[in-house]
Amino acid sequence: MTQQPHDQFAKQFLEELFIPLDGKVKVNFEIHAERRYVDIYFEPKATTTSTPLFKTLGLLGQMIEHTCLLEPFRSPPTINDVNNCILKLLSVHNKLQTDRSRHDEKPLPQEQLPRLWILATSASEPLLNSYAAQPDLLWGKGVYFLQEPLLTAIVAIDRLPTTPQTLYLRMLGKGSTQQRAIEEFFTLFPQTEPLGKYVLELLAKYRIQLETLEQLTEEEEDLFMNLESVYLKWKEDTRLEGQRVLIEQMLKARFGTLDDILSSLIESLLKLKPEDSSRLLLQASREELVAKLSH
């Protein structure tokens, strides 16, 4: 039986996004008994879940505060897809409990077992109804929990409220949902640190990877277009950063040190054409530079 392909972009995005969180990230985590693979298995360190990195991730950060499985779908998951994800979760639970039994340890209580988060760009009402999935006021709109013993929730990304808390999840959506999230990411960019620059590079890198493919699927073309603005901003930021380093080096070479007065001129120099800023840096005295650029 052929399974619907999962969201490769989301898998790579989540894998690399979790690296700075100092937890264990396992991609295509194999469940040996039945040769099944979990898209993302994340095990955080207890000492890091209250750090600014987790808080920056908003709702996604809350989801991964405890060991969990994440299964992203770019196309709406079917009942068969959800069942397969639940089978993976149960296999993981069984493996954990069996391992503890072998070491004469007590079984983990229900609340300490990993939870499954199915990240769907959209989820139909019939699908949610078939599992009696219900929203939870504590988690807000768009997050639907199956019956508690299953420890599973379906996140309908297109139904999430448009708030900073849901930003990183909505960036895993598609079409207008993803595009609006990316635009919002740029608007909130200063507030998304310490992950903002890292995420910008991550998204730009994935866009470059798509560009190398000979032929894109319709889903990949949609993603490619949504990531275009990310790539252009990353390219401009990279160019400016390189130019900034060059200007700092030239100022130090001309004047021996980079004091507060000279540092204050860098932004003005960056606004000039590269050839104009280079000419000033090579020919103007310190006094001339300050007089021309301090305004």
Protein backbone atom coordinates (compact mmCIF):
# COMPACT_ATOMS: atom_id res chain seq x y z
CA MET A 1 0.00 0.00 0.00
CA THR A 2 1.44 3.35 -1.03
CA GLN A 3 1.40 5.99 1.69
CA GLN A 4 0.79 9.63 0.94
CA PRO A 5 4.14 11.44 0.99
CA HIS A 6 4.67 13.65 4.01
CA ASP A 7 5.81 17.26 3.83
CA GLN A 8 9.56 17.13 3.12
CA PHE A 9 9.89 20.88 3.66
CA ALA A 10 8.24 20.65 7.08
CA LYS A 11 10.42 17.70 8.08
CA GLN A 12 13.64 19.52 7.20
CA PHE A 13 12.38 22.81 8.67
CA LEU A 14 11.50 21.19 12.00
CA GLU A 15 14.68 19.12 12.10
CA GLU A 16 16.93 22.16 11.72
CA LEU A 17 14.71 24.48 13.76
CA PHE A 18 15.05 22.19 16.79
CA ILE A 19 18.87 21.92 16.58
CA PRO A 20 19.54 25.08 18.69
CA LEU A 21 17.12 23.83 21.37
CA ASP A 22 19.74 21.40 22.67
CA GLY A 23 17.49 18.36 22.58
CA LYS A 24 17.68 15.10 20.69
CA VAL A 25 16.30 15.31 17.15
CA LYS A 26 15.71 12.06 15.27
CA VAL A 27 14.50 12.21 11.66
CA ASN A 28 12.97 9.14 10.03
CA PHE A 29 13.15 7.51 13.45
CA GLU A 30 12.90 3.77 12.83
CA ILE A 31 10.56 1.61 14.86
CA HIS A 32 12.37 -1.69 14.51
CA ALA A 33 9.50 -4.07 15.21
CA GLU A 34 7.47 -3.15 12.13
CA ARG A 35 9.98 -1.16 10.12
CA ARG A 36 8.08 2.08 10.55
CA TYR A 37 9.60 5.55 10.54
CA VAL A 38 8.54 8.60 12.54
CA ASP A 39 9.02 11.84 10.59
CA ILE A 40 10.30 13.80 13.60
CA TYR A 41 10.96 12.44 17.09
CA PHE A 42 11.97 15.18 19.50
CA GLU A 43 13.20 14.70 23.05
CA PRO A 44 13.94 18.01 24.83
CA LYS A 45 16.30 18.46 27.74
CA ALA A 46 14.36 19.22 30.90
CA THR A 47 16.66 22.15 31.66
CA THR A 48 16.05 23.96 28.37
CA THR A 49 12.27 23.98 27.89
CA SER A 50 11.88 27.31 29.69
CA THR A 51 14.54 29.09 27.63
CA PRO A 52 13.79 32.02 25.27
CA LEU A 53 14.20 29.65 22.28
CA PHE A 54 11.14 27.62 23.27
CA LYS A 55 9.13 30.75 24.07
CA THR A 56 9.99 32.23 20.67
CA LEU A 57 8.42 29.18 18.99
CA GLY A 58 5.07 29.96 20.61
CA LEU A 59 2.51 27.19 20.22
CA LEU A 60 5.05 24.93 18.51
CA GLY A 61 7.35 25.42 21.50
CA GLN A 62 4.57 24.30 23.86
CA MET A 63 4.03 21.17 21.77
CA ILE A 64 7.64 20.08 22.03
CA GLU A 65 8.17 20.83 25.73
CA HIS A 66 7.78 17.08 26.26
CA THR A 67 9.04 14.18 24.15
CA CYS A 68 6.84 13.91 21.09
CA LEU A 69 6.36 12.64 17.54
CA LEU A 70 5.59 15.14 14.77
CA GLU A 71 4.09 14.00 11.47
CA PRO A 72 3.65 16.86 8.95
CA PHE A 73 1.38 16.55 5.90
CA ARG A 74 1.34 19.07 3.06
CA SER A 75 -1.82 17.49 1.59
CA PRO A 76 -4.85 16.78 3.79
CA PRO A 77 -4.27 13.49 5.65
CA THR A 78 -6.69 10.62 5.19
CA ILE A 79 -8.04 8.26 7.82
CA ASN A 80 -5.43 5.73 6.69
CA ASP A 81 -2.68 8.34 7.18
CA VAL A 82 -3.87 9.16 10.71
CA ASN A 83 -4.18 5.46 11.58
CA ASN A 84 -0.61 4.84 10.41
CA CYS A 85 0.64 7.74 12.54
CA ILE A 86 -1.18 6.36 15.59
CA LEU A 87 0.35 2.93 14.96
CA LYS A 88 3.79 4.55 15.04
CA LEU A 89 2.97 6.24 18.33
CA LEU A 90 1.74 3.00 19.91
CA SER A 91 4.85 1.21 18.67
CA VAL A 92 7.03 3.87 20.31
CA HIS A 93 5.08 3.54 23.56
CA ASN A 94 5.45 -0.23 23.46
CA LYS A 95 9.19 0.02 22.84
CA LEU A 96 9.68 2.47 25.72
CA GLN A 97 7.72 0.34 28.17
CA THR A 98 9.39 -2.88 27.04
CA ASP A 99 12.84 -1.34 27.48
CA ARG A 100 11.92 -0.22 30.99
CA SER A 101 10.62 -3.68 31.84
CA ARG A 102 13.90 -5.23 30.72
CA HIS A 103 15.73 -2.95 33.14
CA ASP A 104 13.29 -3.76 35.97
CA GLU A 105 11.90 -0.24 35.90
CA LYS A 106 8.27 0.70 36.46
CA PRO A 107 6.20 1.53 33.35
CA LEU A 108 5.95 5.20 32.49
CA PRO A 109 2.63 6.77 33.53
CA GLN A 110 0.34 7.94 30.73
CA GLU A 111 1.21 11.61 31.16
CA GLN A 112 4.93 10.93 30.65
CA LEU A 113 4.57 9.01 27.39
CA PRO A 114 5.35 10.82 24.11
CA ARG A 115 2.45 12.59 22.40
CA LEU A 116 1.74 12.60 18.67
CA TRP A 117 1.18 15.87 16.81
CA ILE A 118 -0.17 15.48 13.28
CA LEU A 119 0.60 18.77 11.51
CA ALA A 120 -1.85 19.05 8.61
CA THR A 121 -1.99 22.03 6.27
CA SER A 122 -5.74 21.37 6.42
CA ALA A 123 -8.05 18.76 7.94
CA SER A 124 -11.60 18.03 6.81
CA GLU A 125 -14.60 17.96 9.14
CA PRO A 126 -15.35 14.31 8.23
CA LEU A 127 -11.80 13.36 9.24
CA LEU A 128 -12.02 15.19 12.58
CA ASN A 129 -15.51 13.81 13.26
CA SER A 130 -14.43 10.25 12.50
CA TYR A 131 -12.02 10.43 15.45
CA ALA A 132 -14.32 12.56 17.61
CA ALA A 133 -11.47 15.07 17.67
CA GLN A 134 -12.27 18.07 19.84
CA PRO A 135 -10.66 21.49 20.35
CA ASP A 136 -9.22 22.41 23.73
CA LEU A 137 -9.68 25.92 25.12
CA LEU A 138 -6.16 25.87 26.55
CA TRP A 139 -4.66 25.24 23.09
CA GLY A 140 -7.03 27.40 21.07
CA LYS A 141 -8.62 27.12 17.66
CA GLY A 142 -7.15 24.73 15.11
CA VAL A 143 -5.79 22.09 17.52
CA TYR A 144 -8.04 19.01 17.79
CA PHE A 145 -7.41 16.30 20.36
CA LEU A 146 -8.38 12.68 19.92
CA GLN A 147 -9.57 10.70 22.95
CA GLU A 148 -6.99 11.07 25.73
CA PRO A 149 -5.68 7.46 25.79
CA LEU A 150 -4.42 8.00 22.22
CA LEU A 151 -2.26 11.00 23.21
CA THR A 152 -2.78 12.40 19.71
CA ALA A 153 -3.78 15.76 18.30
CA ILE A 154 -4.43 16.93 14.75
CA VAL A 155 -3.30 20.50 14.07
CA ALA A 156 -5.27 22.05 11.19
CA ILE A 157 -2.78 24.76 10.26
CA ASP A 158 -5.20 26.71 8.06
CA ARG A 159 -7.57 27.08 11.05
CA LEU A 160 -5.01 28.44 13.48
CA PRO A 161 -5.58 32.05 14.61
CA THR A 162 -3.30 34.62 13.02
CA THR A 163 -1.21 35.47 16.07
CA PRO A 164 2.53 35.54 16.85
CA GLN A 165 1.99 32.39 18.95
CA THR A 166 1.07 30.33 15.88
CA LEU A 167 3.59 31.90 13.47
CA TYR A 168 6.05 29.00 13.11
CA LEU A 169 3.25 26.46 12.67
CA ARG A 170 1.55 28.61 10.01
CA MET A 171 4.85 28.82 8.15
CA LEU A 172 4.40 25.06 7.61
CA GLY A 173 1.05 25.65 5.92
CA LYS A 174 0.59 26.12 2.20
CA GLY A 175 -0.81 28.64 -0.25
CA SER A 176 -2.09 31.89 1.26
CA THR A 177 -1.73 30.57 4.82
CA GLN A 178 2.01 30.10 4.42
CA GLN A 179 2.46 33.31 2.41
CA ARG A 180 0.75 35.44 5.07
CA ALA A 181 2.85 33.77 7.78
CA ILE A 182 6.07 34.58 5.90
CA GLU A 183 4.99 38.20 5.46
CA GLU A 184 4.19 38.34 9.18
CA PHE A 185 7.60 36.81 9.94
CA PHE A 186 9.25 39.78 8.21
CA THR A 187 7.00 42.25 10.06
CA LEU A 188 7.84 40.69 13.43
CA PHE A 189 11.45 39.94 12.52
CA PRO A 190 13.11 41.92 15.36
CA GLN A 191 10.82 40.17 17.87
CA THR A 192 11.58 36.66 16.61
CA GLU A 193 15.16 36.64 17.87
CA PRO A 194 17.13 34.64 18.84
CA LEU A 195 15.75 32.34 16.11
CA GLY A 196 14.82 34.93 13.47
CA LYS A 197 18.07 35.08 11.49
CA TYR A 198 18.53 31.33 11.79
CA VAL A 199 15.04 30.68 10.40
CA LEU A 200 15.60 33.17 7.57
CA GLU A 201 18.73 31.29 6.48
CA LEU A 202 16.96 27.94 6.87
CA LEU A 203 14.05 28.97 4.61
CA ALA A 204 16.36 30.55 2.05
CA LYS A 205 18.43 27.36 1.93
CA TYR A 206 15.35 25.26 1.22
CA ARG A 207 14.31 27.65 -1.56
CA ILE A 208 17.79 27.21 -3.13
CA GLN A 209 17.39 23.43 -2.91
CA LEU A 210 14.09 23.64 -4.79
CA GLU A 211 15.75 25.75 -7.49
CA THR A 212 18.20 22.92 -8.22
CA LEU A 213 15.41 20.43 -9.02
CA GLU A 214 14.82 19.83 -12.72
CA GLN A 215 11.07 19.61 -12.36
CA LEU A 216 8.84 20.76 -9.51
CA THR A 217 5.52 19.29 -8.49
CA GLU A 218 2.55 21.63 -8.09
CA GLU A 219 3.08 21.57 -4.31
CA GLU A 220 6.77 22.40 -4.71
CA GLU A 221 6.02 25.26 -7.11
CA ASP A 222 3.63 26.72 -4.54
CA LEU A 223 6.29 26.44 -1.85
CA PHE A 224 8.96 27.87 -4.17
CA MET A 225 6.89 30.99 -4.82
CA ASN A 226 6.12 31.44 -1.12
CA LEU A 227 9.82 31.25 -0.27
CA GLU A 228 10.89 33.71 -2.97
CA SER A 229 10.56 36.77 -0.72
CA VAL A 230 12.50 34.96 2.01
CA TYR A 231 15.32 34.22 -0.41
CA LEU A 232 15.52 37.81 -1.67
CA LYS A 233 15.66 39.22 1.87
CA TRP A 234 18.27 36.66 2.89
CA LYS A 235 20.34 37.51 -0.19
CA GLU A 236 20.17 41.25 0.57
CA ASP A 237 20.97 40.71 4.26
CA THR A 238 23.94 38.52 3.33
CA ARG A 239 25.21 41.17 0.90
CA LEU A 240 24.85 43.92 3.50
CA GLU A 241 26.54 41.85 6.18
CA GLY A 242 29.51 41.22 3.92
CA GLN A 243 29.67 44.92 3.02
CA ARG A 244 29.47 45.86 6.72
CA VAL A 245 32.45 43.63 7.54
CA LEU A 246 34.44 45.17 4.69
CA ILE A 247 33.67 48.72 5.85
CA GLU A 248 34.69 47.88 9.43
CA GLN A 249 37.97 46.42 8.20
CA MET A 250 38.70 49.47 6.04
CA LEU A 251 37.96 51.86 8.91
CA LYS A 252 40.30 49.94 11.21
CA ALA A 253 43.02 49.87 8.53
CA ARG A 254 42.76 53.65 7.94
CA PHE A 255 42.38 54.86 11.51
CA GLY A 256 43.80 52.05 13.65
CA THR A 257 40.71 51.55 15.80
CA LEU A 258 36.92 51.52 15.51
CA ASP A 259 35.64 53.89 18.17
CA ASP A 260 32.03 54.95 18.80
CA ILE A 261 32.21 57.90 16.40
CA LEU A 262 33.49 55.81 13.49
CA SER A 263 31.04 52.99 14.31
CA SER A 264 28.16 55.47 14.04
CA LEU A 265 29.13 56.17 10.41
CA ILE A 266 28.76 52.57 9.22
CA GLU A 267 25.00 52.72 8.56
CA SER A 268 25.46 55.85 6.44
CA LEU A 269 28.28 54.20 4.48
CA LEU A 270 26.08 51.16 3.81
CA LYS A 271 23.48 53.39 2.14
CA LEU A 272 26.02 54.58 -0.43
CA LYS A 273 26.94 52.74 -3.59
CA PRO A 274 29.87 50.37 -2.89
CA GLU A 275 32.19 52.37 -5.16
CA ASP A 276 31.29 55.65 -3.42
CA SER A 277 31.80 54.28 0.08
CA SER A 278 35.13 52.71 -0.94
CA ARG A 279 36.36 55.99 -2.41
CA LEU A 280 35.47 57.88 0.78
CA LEU A 281 37.11 55.26 2.99
CA LEU A 282 40.31 55.37 0.95
CA GLN A 283 40.62 59.12 0.41
CA ALA A 284 38.77 61.09 3.10
CA SER A 285 40.31 62.02 6.42
CA ARG A 286 38.57 61.18 9.66
CA GLU A 287 37.31 64.75 9.96
CA GLU A 288 35.99 64.73 6.39
CA LEU A 289 34.18 61.43 6.96
CA VAL A 290 32.51 62.70 10.12
CA ALA A 291 31.51 66.00 8.50
CA LYS A 292 30.05 64.32 5.41
CA LEU A 293 28.22 61.43 7.09
CA SER A 294 27.15 62.81 10.48
CA HIS A 295 23.74 64.22 9.71
